[in-house]
Protein backbone atom coordinates (compact mmCIF):
# COMPACT_ATOMS: atom_id res chain seq x y z
CA UNK A 1 -29.38 -70.44 10.87
CA UNK A 2 -29.20 -68.27 7.71
CA UNK A 3 -29.85 -69.91 4.38
CA UNK A 4 -26.82 -70.86 2.29
CA UNK A 5 -26.02 -68.44 -0.54
CA UNK A 6 -24.76 -68.83 -4.07
CA UNK A 7 -21.13 -67.77 -4.55
CA UNK A 8 -20.92 -65.52 -7.61
CA UNK A 9 -17.13 -65.61 -7.54
CA UNK A 10 -17.44 -69.15 -8.91
CA UNK A 11 -19.20 -67.96 -12.07
CA UNK A 12 -16.99 -67.89 -15.17
CA UNK A 13 -17.30 -64.47 -16.79
CA UNK A 14 -16.56 -63.91 -20.48
CA UNK A 15 -15.74 -60.86 -22.55
CA UNK A 16 -18.41 -59.01 -24.54
CA UNK A 17 -16.17 -59.66 -27.54
CA UNK A 18 -17.15 -63.35 -27.25
CA UNK A 19 -20.89 -62.64 -27.38
CA UNK A 20 -23.04 -62.69 -30.50
CA UNK A 21 -25.02 -59.43 -30.52
CA UNK A 22 -28.43 -58.88 -32.07
CA UNK A 23 -28.16 -55.09 -32.22
CA UNK A 24 -25.44 -52.85 -33.66
CA UNK A 25 -25.98 -49.22 -32.76
CA UNK A 26 -24.11 -47.80 -35.76
CA UNK A 27 -26.58 -49.41 -38.15
CA UNK A 28 -29.65 -49.77 -35.92
CA UNK A 29 -29.91 -46.25 -34.46
CA UNK A 30 -32.85 -44.07 -35.45
CA UNK A 31 -31.93 -40.66 -36.81
CA UNK A 32 -34.17 -37.78 -35.68
CA UNK A 33 -34.52 -36.88 -39.35
CA UNK A 34 -35.92 -40.28 -40.38
CA UNK A 35 -39.58 -40.64 -41.13
CA UNK A 36 -41.95 -42.67 -38.96
CA UNK A 37 -43.89 -45.54 -40.40
CA UNK A 38 -47.45 -45.04 -41.63
CA UNK A 39 -49.83 -43.81 -38.94
CA UNK A 40 -53.60 -43.70 -39.04
CA UNK A 41 -55.44 -40.42 -38.99
CA UNK A 42 -56.55 -41.11 -35.42
CA UNK A 43 -52.95 -41.78 -34.38
CA UNK A 44 -51.76 -38.57 -36.01
CA UNK A 45 -54.47 -36.64 -34.17
CA UNK A 46 -53.44 -38.25 -30.87
CA UNK A 47 -49.80 -37.31 -31.44
CA UNK A 48 -50.75 -33.73 -32.36
CA UNK A 49 -52.75 -33.48 -29.12
CA UNK A 50 -49.84 -34.86 -27.10
CA UNK A 51 -47.43 -32.37 -28.72
CA UNK A 52 -49.80 -29.50 -27.95
CA UNK A 53 -49.94 -30.57 -24.30
CA UNK A 54 -46.13 -30.68 -24.16
CA UNK A 55 -45.76 -27.22 -25.71
CA UNK A 56 -48.20 -25.75 -23.18
CA UNK A 57 -46.44 -27.49 -20.30
CA UNK A 58 -43.01 -26.20 -21.29
CA UNK A 59 -44.33 -22.67 -21.89
CA UNK A 60 -45.55 -22.76 -18.29
CA UNK A 61 -42.32 -24.36 -16.98
CA UNK A 62 -44.07 -27.55 -15.94
CA UNK A 63 -42.68 -31.07 -16.00
CA UNK A 64 -42.62 -33.25 -19.11
CA UNK A 65 -41.60 -36.75 -18.12
CA UNK A 66 -40.92 -39.78 -20.31
CA UNK A 67 -40.75 -43.25 -18.75
CA UNK A 68 -39.87 -46.08 -21.10
CA UNK A 69 -38.96 -49.74 -21.23
CA UNK A 70 -35.65 -51.12 -22.47
CA UNK A 71 -36.95 -51.76 -26.01
CA UNK A 72 -36.85 -48.03 -26.71
CA UNK A 73 -33.08 -48.18 -26.22
CA UNK A 74 -32.73 -51.53 -28.04
CA UNK A 75 -34.61 -50.02 -30.98
CA UNK A 76 -31.93 -47.34 -31.34
CA UNK A 77 -33.98 -44.35 -30.22
CA UNK A 78 -31.18 -42.64 -28.27
CA UNK A 79 -30.67 -39.90 -30.91
CA UNK A 80 -34.39 -39.08 -30.75
CA UNK A 81 -34.41 -38.92 -26.96
CA UNK A 82 -31.31 -36.75 -27.07
CA UNK A 83 -32.90 -34.31 -29.55
CA UNK A 84 -35.98 -34.04 -27.31
CA UNK A 85 -33.73 -33.16 -24.37
CA UNK A 86 -31.49 -30.79 -26.30
CA UNK A 87 -34.53 -28.92 -27.61
CA UNK A 88 -35.92 -28.46 -24.12
CA UNK A 89 -39.06 -30.55 -24.60
CA UNK A 90 -38.29 -33.09 -21.85
CA UNK A 91 -37.46 -32.44 -18.20
CA UNK A 92 -37.10 -36.00 -16.89
CA UNK A 93 -36.37 -39.46 -18.32
CA UNK A 94 -36.89 -42.75 -16.49
CA UNK A 95 -36.25 -46.38 -17.39
CA UNK A 96 -35.66 -49.79 -15.86
CA UNK A 97 -32.38 -51.58 -15.18
CA UNK A 98 -32.28 -53.20 -18.61
CA UNK A 99 -32.59 -49.80 -20.29
CA UNK A 100 -29.51 -48.66 -18.38
CA UNK A 101 -27.56 -51.73 -19.48
CA UNK A 102 -28.38 -51.55 -23.19
CA UNK A 103 -27.58 -47.84 -23.26
CA UNK A 104 -24.21 -48.49 -21.61
CA UNK A 105 -23.33 -51.46 -23.83
CA UNK A 106 -24.02 -49.40 -26.94
CA UNK A 107 -21.80 -46.57 -25.67
CA UNK A 108 -19.00 -48.94 -24.65
CA UNK A 109 -19.16 -51.73 -27.23
CA UNK A 110 -21.46 -50.42 -30.00
CA UNK A 111 -23.46 -53.66 -29.64
CA UNK A 112 -26.03 -55.18 -27.30
CA UNK A 113 -28.72 -57.88 -26.94
CA UNK A 114 -27.96 -61.58 -26.73
CA UNK A 115 -29.85 -64.79 -27.53
CA UNK A 116 -31.32 -65.40 -24.09
CA UNK A 117 -32.64 -68.92 -24.74
CA UNK A 118 -29.36 -70.22 -26.14
CA UNK A 119 -27.19 -68.43 -23.61
CA UNK A 120 -29.15 -69.81 -20.65
CA UNK A 121 -28.74 -73.34 -22.06
CA UNK A 122 -24.99 -72.75 -22.22
CA UNK A 123 -24.83 -71.16 -18.77
CA UNK A 124 -23.55 -67.93 -20.32
CA UNK A 125 -26.54 -65.56 -20.23
CA UNK A 126 -25.60 -62.30 -18.58
CA UNK A 127 -22.16 -63.53 -17.54
CA UNK A 128 -20.22 -60.76 -19.28
CA UNK A 129 -17.21 -59.33 -17.52
CA UNK A 130 -17.23 -55.78 -18.87
CA UNK A 131 -20.95 -55.20 -18.29
CA UNK A 132 -21.12 -56.71 -14.81
CA UNK A 133 -17.83 -55.32 -13.55
CA UNK A 134 -18.03 -51.80 -14.98
CA UNK A 135 -21.66 -50.97 -14.28
CA UNK A 136 -21.49 -52.31 -10.74
CA UNK A 137 -18.25 -50.42 -10.15
CA UNK A 138 -19.97 -47.22 -11.29
CA UNK A 139 -22.86 -47.86 -8.88
CA UNK A 140 -20.52 -48.69 -5.99
CA UNK A 141 -18.53 -45.49 -6.47
CA UNK A 142 -21.65 -43.44 -7.24
CA UNK A 143 -23.33 -44.62 -4.03
CA UNK A 144 -20.38 -43.25 -2.03
CA UNK A 145 -20.34 -40.00 -4.02
CA UNK A 146 -24.05 -39.36 -3.45
CA UNK A 147 -25.15 -39.98 -7.04
CA UNK A 148 -28.27 -41.71 -8.27
CA UNK A 149 -28.34 -44.89 -10.37
CA UNK A 150 -28.74 -43.30 -13.79
CA UNK A 151 -26.49 -40.41 -12.82
CA UNK A 152 -23.68 -42.78 -11.77
CA UNK A 153 -23.72 -44.53 -15.15
CA UNK A 154 -24.24 -41.30 -17.09
CA UNK A 155 -21.21 -39.74 -15.40
CA UNK A 156 -19.13 -42.84 -16.17
CA UNK A 157 -19.99 -42.65 -19.86
CA UNK A 158 -19.69 -38.88 -20.23
CA UNK A 159 -16.37 -38.67 -18.36
CA UNK A 160 -15.15 -41.98 -19.85
CA UNK A 161 -14.03 -43.21 -16.47
CA UNK A 162 -14.32 -42.68 -12.75
CA UNK A 163 -12.15 -42.07 -9.70
CA UNK A 164 -11.59 -44.71 -7.04
CA UNK A 165 -11.01 -43.23 -3.56
CA UNK A 166 -8.13 -44.59 -1.52
CA UNK A 167 -8.54 -46.95 1.42
CA UNK A 168 -7.18 -44.18 3.65
CA UNK A 169 -9.88 -41.76 2.49
CA UNK A 170 -12.60 -44.33 3.15
CA UNK A 171 -11.14 -45.22 6.55
CA UNK A 172 -11.21 -41.54 7.51
CA UNK A 173 -14.73 -41.06 6.20
CA UNK A 174 -16.25 -43.76 8.42
CA UNK A 175 -15.62 -42.12 11.83
CA UNK A 176 -15.80 -38.61 10.36
CA UNK A 177 -19.47 -38.94 9.42
CA UNK A 178 -20.69 -41.47 11.98
CA UNK A 179 -22.45 -38.81 14.07
CA UNK A 180 -23.53 -36.31 11.41
CA UNK A 181 -24.44 -38.72 8.60
CA UNK A 182 -24.16 -42.42 9.47
CA UNK A 183 -25.34 -43.33 5.97
CA UNK A 184 -22.21 -41.79 4.48
CA UNK A 185 -20.12 -43.80 6.93
CA UNK A 186 -21.96 -46.95 5.82
CA UNK A 187 -21.41 -46.10 2.14
CA UNK A 188 -17.70 -45.62 2.82
CA UNK A 189 -17.50 -48.97 4.62
CA UNK A 190 -19.33 -50.71 1.76
CA UNK A 191 -16.98 -49.26 -0.83
CA UNK A 192 -13.98 -50.20 1.31
CA UNK A 193 -15.23 -53.80 1.20
CA UNK A 194 -15.32 -53.62 -2.62
CA UNK A 195 -11.79 -52.20 -2.80
CA UNK A 196 -10.49 -55.09 -0.72
CA UNK A 197 -12.52 -57.80 -2.47
CA UNK A 198 -11.31 -56.73 -5.92
CA UNK A 199 -7.93 -55.26 -4.97
CA UNK A 200 -8.87 -51.95 -6.59
CA UNK A 201 -6.18 -49.32 -6.89
CA UNK A 202 -7.06 -45.70 -6.04
CA UNK A 203 -7.14 -42.90 -8.57
CA UNK A 204 -8.56 -42.25 -12.00
CA UNK A 205 -9.68 -45.29 -14.00
CA UNK A 206 -10.09 -44.43 -17.67
CA UNK A 207 -12.76 -46.46 -19.46
CA UNK A 208 -13.22 -45.47 -23.09
CA UNK A 209 -16.76 -45.17 -24.48
CA UNK A 210 -16.15 -44.62 -28.21
CA UNK A 211 -19.88 -44.56 -29.02
CA UNK A 212 -21.06 -42.32 -26.19
CA UNK A 213 -22.83 -40.08 -28.71
CA UNK A 214 -25.49 -42.81 -28.74
CA UNK A 215 -25.99 -42.73 -24.96
CA UNK A 216 -29.13 -41.18 -23.49
CA UNK A 217 -27.64 -41.34 -19.99
CA UNK A 218 -24.53 -39.42 -21.00
CA UNK A 219 -26.58 -36.74 -22.77
CA UNK A 220 -28.89 -36.35 -19.77
CA UNK A 221 -25.92 -36.06 -17.42
CA UNK A 222 -24.29 -33.47 -19.70
CA UNK A 223 -27.53 -31.48 -19.99
CA UNK A 224 -28.26 -31.77 -16.25
CA UNK A 225 -31.62 -33.43 -16.90
CA UNK A 226 -32.66 -36.14 -14.43
CA UNK A 227 -32.34 -39.63 -15.91
CA UNK A 228 -33.52 -42.06 -13.27
CA UNK A 229 -33.35 -45.84 -13.12
CA UNK A 230 -35.91 -47.99 -11.34
CA UNK A 231 -34.51 -51.52 -11.11
CA UNK A 232 -35.84 -54.60 -9.38
CA UNK A 233 -33.28 -56.74 -7.63
CA UNK A 234 -32.28 -59.81 -9.62
CA UNK A 235 -33.98 -58.67 -12.83
CA UNK A 236 -30.84 -57.58 -14.68
CA UNK A 237 -27.66 -59.29 -15.83
CA UNK A 238 -25.41 -57.12 -13.66
CA UNK A 239 -26.63 -59.11 -10.62
CA UNK A 240 -24.73 -62.12 -11.98
CA UNK A 241 -21.38 -60.48 -11.27
CA UNK A 242 -19.76 -60.55 -7.80
CA UNK A 243 -18.99 -56.81 -8.11
CA UNK A 244 -22.74 -56.30 -7.58
CA UNK A 245 -23.49 -54.95 -4.11
CA UNK A 246 -27.07 -54.64 -2.88
CA UNK A 247 -26.31 -51.63 -0.69
CA UNK A 248 -25.04 -49.61 -3.66
CA UNK A 249 -28.05 -50.60 -5.77
CA UNK A 250 -30.36 -49.59 -2.94
CA UNK A 251 -28.70 -46.23 -2.28
CA UNK A 252 -28.55 -45.14 -5.90
CA UNK A 253 -32.03 -46.46 -6.79
CA UNK A 254 -33.56 -44.79 -3.73
CA UNK A 255 -32.10 -41.44 -4.79
CA UNK A 256 -33.55 -41.97 -8.26
CA UNK A 257 -37.00 -42.77 -6.91
CA UNK A 258 -36.98 -39.59 -4.84
CA UNK A 259 -35.75 -37.53 -7.80
CA UNK A 260 -38.58 -39.03 -9.88
CA UNK A 261 -41.12 -38.24 -7.15
CA UNK A 262 -39.82 -34.67 -7.05
CA UNK A 263 -40.53 -34.32 -10.77
CA UNK A 264 -44.01 -35.79 -10.29
CA UNK A 265 -44.63 -33.10 -7.67
CA UNK A 266 -44.17 -30.56 -10.48
CA UNK A 267 -46.58 -32.37 -12.81
CA UNK A 268 -49.65 -30.17 -12.30
CA UNK A 269 -50.02 -28.59 -15.73
CA UNK A 270 -47.46 -31.07 -17.07
CA UNK A 271 -47.26 -34.17 -19.26
CA UNK A 272 -46.30 -37.76 -18.50
CA UNK A 273 -45.49 -40.19 -21.32
CA UNK A 274 -45.28 -43.91 -20.58
CA UNK A 275 -43.80 -45.78 -23.53
CA UNK A 276 -43.58 -49.56 -23.59
CA UNK A 277 -43.42 -50.03 -19.82
CA UNK A 278 -46.05 -52.42 -18.54
CA UNK A 279 -44.85 -52.61 -14.92
CA UNK A 280 -42.13 -50.15 -13.92
CA UNK A 281 -43.73 -46.92 -15.11
CA UNK A 282 -47.27 -47.33 -13.68
CA UNK A 283 -46.00 -48.78 -10.40
CA UNK A 284 -43.55 -45.99 -9.57
CA UNK A 285 -45.95 -43.33 -10.86
CA UNK A 286 -48.82 -44.25 -8.55
CA UNK A 287 -46.61 -44.31 -5.44
CA UNK A 288 -44.86 -41.07 -6.40
CA UNK A 289 -48.12 -39.29 -7.13
CA UNK A 290 -49.54 -40.45 -3.80
CA UNK A 291 -46.70 -38.95 -1.74
CA UNK A 292 -46.53 -35.83 -3.90
CA UNK A 293 -50.29 -35.38 -3.57
CA UNK A 294 -50.03 -35.87 0.19
CA UNK A 295 -47.57 -32.98 0.49
CA UNK A 296 -49.53 -30.80 -1.94
CA UNK A 297 -52.73 -31.28 0.05
CA UNK A 298 -50.87 -30.27 3.20
CA UNK A 299 -50.06 -27.01 1.43
CA UNK A 300 -53.64 -26.44 0.33
CA UNK A 301 -52.94 -27.50 -3.26
CA UNK A 302 -53.70 -30.44 -5.56
CA UNK A 303 -51.97 -32.21 -8.44
CA UNK A 304 -54.89 -32.81 -10.77
CA UNK A 305 -54.24 -31.04 -14.06
CA UNK A 306 -51.88 -33.29 -15.99
CA UNK A 307 -51.93 -35.23 -19.25
CA UNK A 308 -50.83 -38.88 -19.48
CA UNK A 309 -50.05 -40.48 -22.84
CA UNK A 310 -49.56 -44.25 -22.71
CA UNK A 311 -48.03 -45.93 -25.76
CA UNK A 312 -47.65 -49.68 -26.32
CA UNK A 313 -48.08 -52.34 -28.99
CA UNK A 314 -51.01 -54.09 -27.31
CA UNK A 315 -54.41 -53.50 -28.86
CA UNK A 316 -57.05 -51.82 -26.71
CA UNK A 317 -60.53 -51.02 -28.00
CA UNK A 318 -61.63 -49.48 -24.73
CA UNK A 319 -62.15 -45.72 -24.59
CA UNK A 320 -60.09 -44.87 -21.52
CA UNK A 321 -61.61 -41.41 -21.30
CA UNK A 322 -64.65 -43.28 -19.86
CA UNK A 323 -62.61 -44.60 -16.93
CA UNK A 324 -61.62 -48.23 -16.45
CA UNK A 325 -63.61 -51.06 -18.05
CA UNK A 326 -65.55 -53.73 -16.15
CA UNK A 327 -63.72 -56.88 -15.09
CA UNK A 328 -65.28 -58.96 -17.86
CA UNK A 329 -63.62 -56.77 -20.49
CA UNK A 330 -60.11 -57.94 -21.56
CA UNK A 331 -58.93 -54.32 -21.49
CA UNK A 332 -59.32 -54.41 -17.69
CA UNK A 333 -56.21 -56.58 -17.58
CA UNK A 334 -54.00 -54.12 -19.43
CA UNK A 335 -52.49 -53.23 -16.09
CA UNK A 336 -50.65 -50.12 -17.19
CA UNK A 337 -53.74 -48.53 -18.70
CA UNK A 338 -55.85 -49.44 -15.70
CA UNK A 339 -53.28 -48.03 -13.27
CA UNK A 340 -52.89 -44.75 -15.12
CA UNK A 341 -56.64 -44.35 -15.59
CA UNK A 342 -56.96 -44.27 -11.79
CA UNK A 343 -54.47 -41.44 -11.35
CA UNK A 344 -56.69 -38.49 -12.25
CA UNK A 345 -55.82 -35.95 -14.89
CA UNK A 346 -56.42 -36.91 -18.52
CA UNK A 347 -55.17 -40.25 -19.87
CA UNK A 348 -54.99 -41.36 -23.48
CA UNK A 349 -53.78 -44.67 -24.92
CA UNK A 350 -52.18 -45.12 -28.33
CA UNK A 351 -51.28 -48.43 -29.91
CA UNK A 352 -48.04 -47.73 -31.78
CA UNK A 353 -44.44 -48.77 -32.27
CA UNK A 354 -42.24 -46.67 -30.01
CA UNK A 355 -40.06 -45.63 -32.98
CA UNK A 356 -43.00 -44.34 -34.98
CA UNK A 357 -44.53 -42.55 -32.00
CA UNK A 358 -41.40 -40.77 -30.82
CA UNK A 359 -40.33 -39.76 -34.33
CA UNK A 360 -43.78 -38.42 -35.17
CA UNK A 361 -43.96 -36.59 -31.83
CA UNK A 362 -40.53 -35.00 -32.33
CA UNK A 363 -41.42 -33.89 -35.87
CA UNK A 364 -44.71 -32.41 -34.69
CA UNK A 365 -42.96 -30.48 -31.92
CA UNK A 366 -40.24 -29.20 -34.24
CA UNK A 367 -42.69 -28.30 -37.00
CA UNK A 368 -44.85 -26.18 -34.70
CA UNK A 369 -41.76 -24.60 -33.12
CA UNK A 370 -40.70 -23.35 -36.58
CA UNK A 371 -44.15 -21.92 -37.39
């Protein structure tokens, strides 16, 4: 007998307007023109080296990837990310599910971030109608349309809405593709289930995003730069809502992983920046590099010449250019550093606030570009 399951339709959802927000994007965003906080001479040298590696990579048309945790979005860094993309310095952005949510909430509501401890006590944490309904709807439709996770949400924000296919179209799609592409038939059947469960009407659904200028996903979609999401099931508040469908999450997240791996395959001579991501970034990088390396070796090539810059707030006195430390050294348990140090190439670690690092990096890149 299958285990009993929790019924999310019983959960009382509330409006974002009823939530106290810790962050307001209008006042908390970081302008690309603002100055970073004080940085040591060693930190400035590390940032100058990283910028030089990026310039060389872009001159040679190699990948420059930035993977980051949700705090980079919560800290208001969208305008800085967008300037890096618009100036051609970055070829791929990647984040976790929470990064996607904060970016969307800022674009839609101008506010994000709740008091987790208090909201859990009240049984309200994550139970927000607009966030759960809209983001899951975008993923459900995007899965049918062949989009990735980040692309589905970026398109929603940029176009300020989406189009719901009719039941007739989905009915026709199921037998039409069953021989040539059964996955498309399955995606059509899954979306048909959503239409029935929520009585969705076909056609254009306009969803205003008055603050979309602060969205990294929208800018990436507009600029045709991959912005991939790498969620873990149950980690994010959108799983609280009954609109959430595992098949859509799986389809869109799988496409994003493969798009990420494709960028990693172009990383020889490139740069990878991992900013404030202790788990997601090193875990997807090592698997992606393994499969990309496998294919490269089959072609008589290798992916060895790349530069990795890891940035986080945790202190590390270990010189990672020496390889990983022994197990009796506390630095051994900085998992992200240890993982990246095993990947080959050149890895450097910098203890810094993500705002200071990204601002200083952008200024260094723009200063040298003007010289």
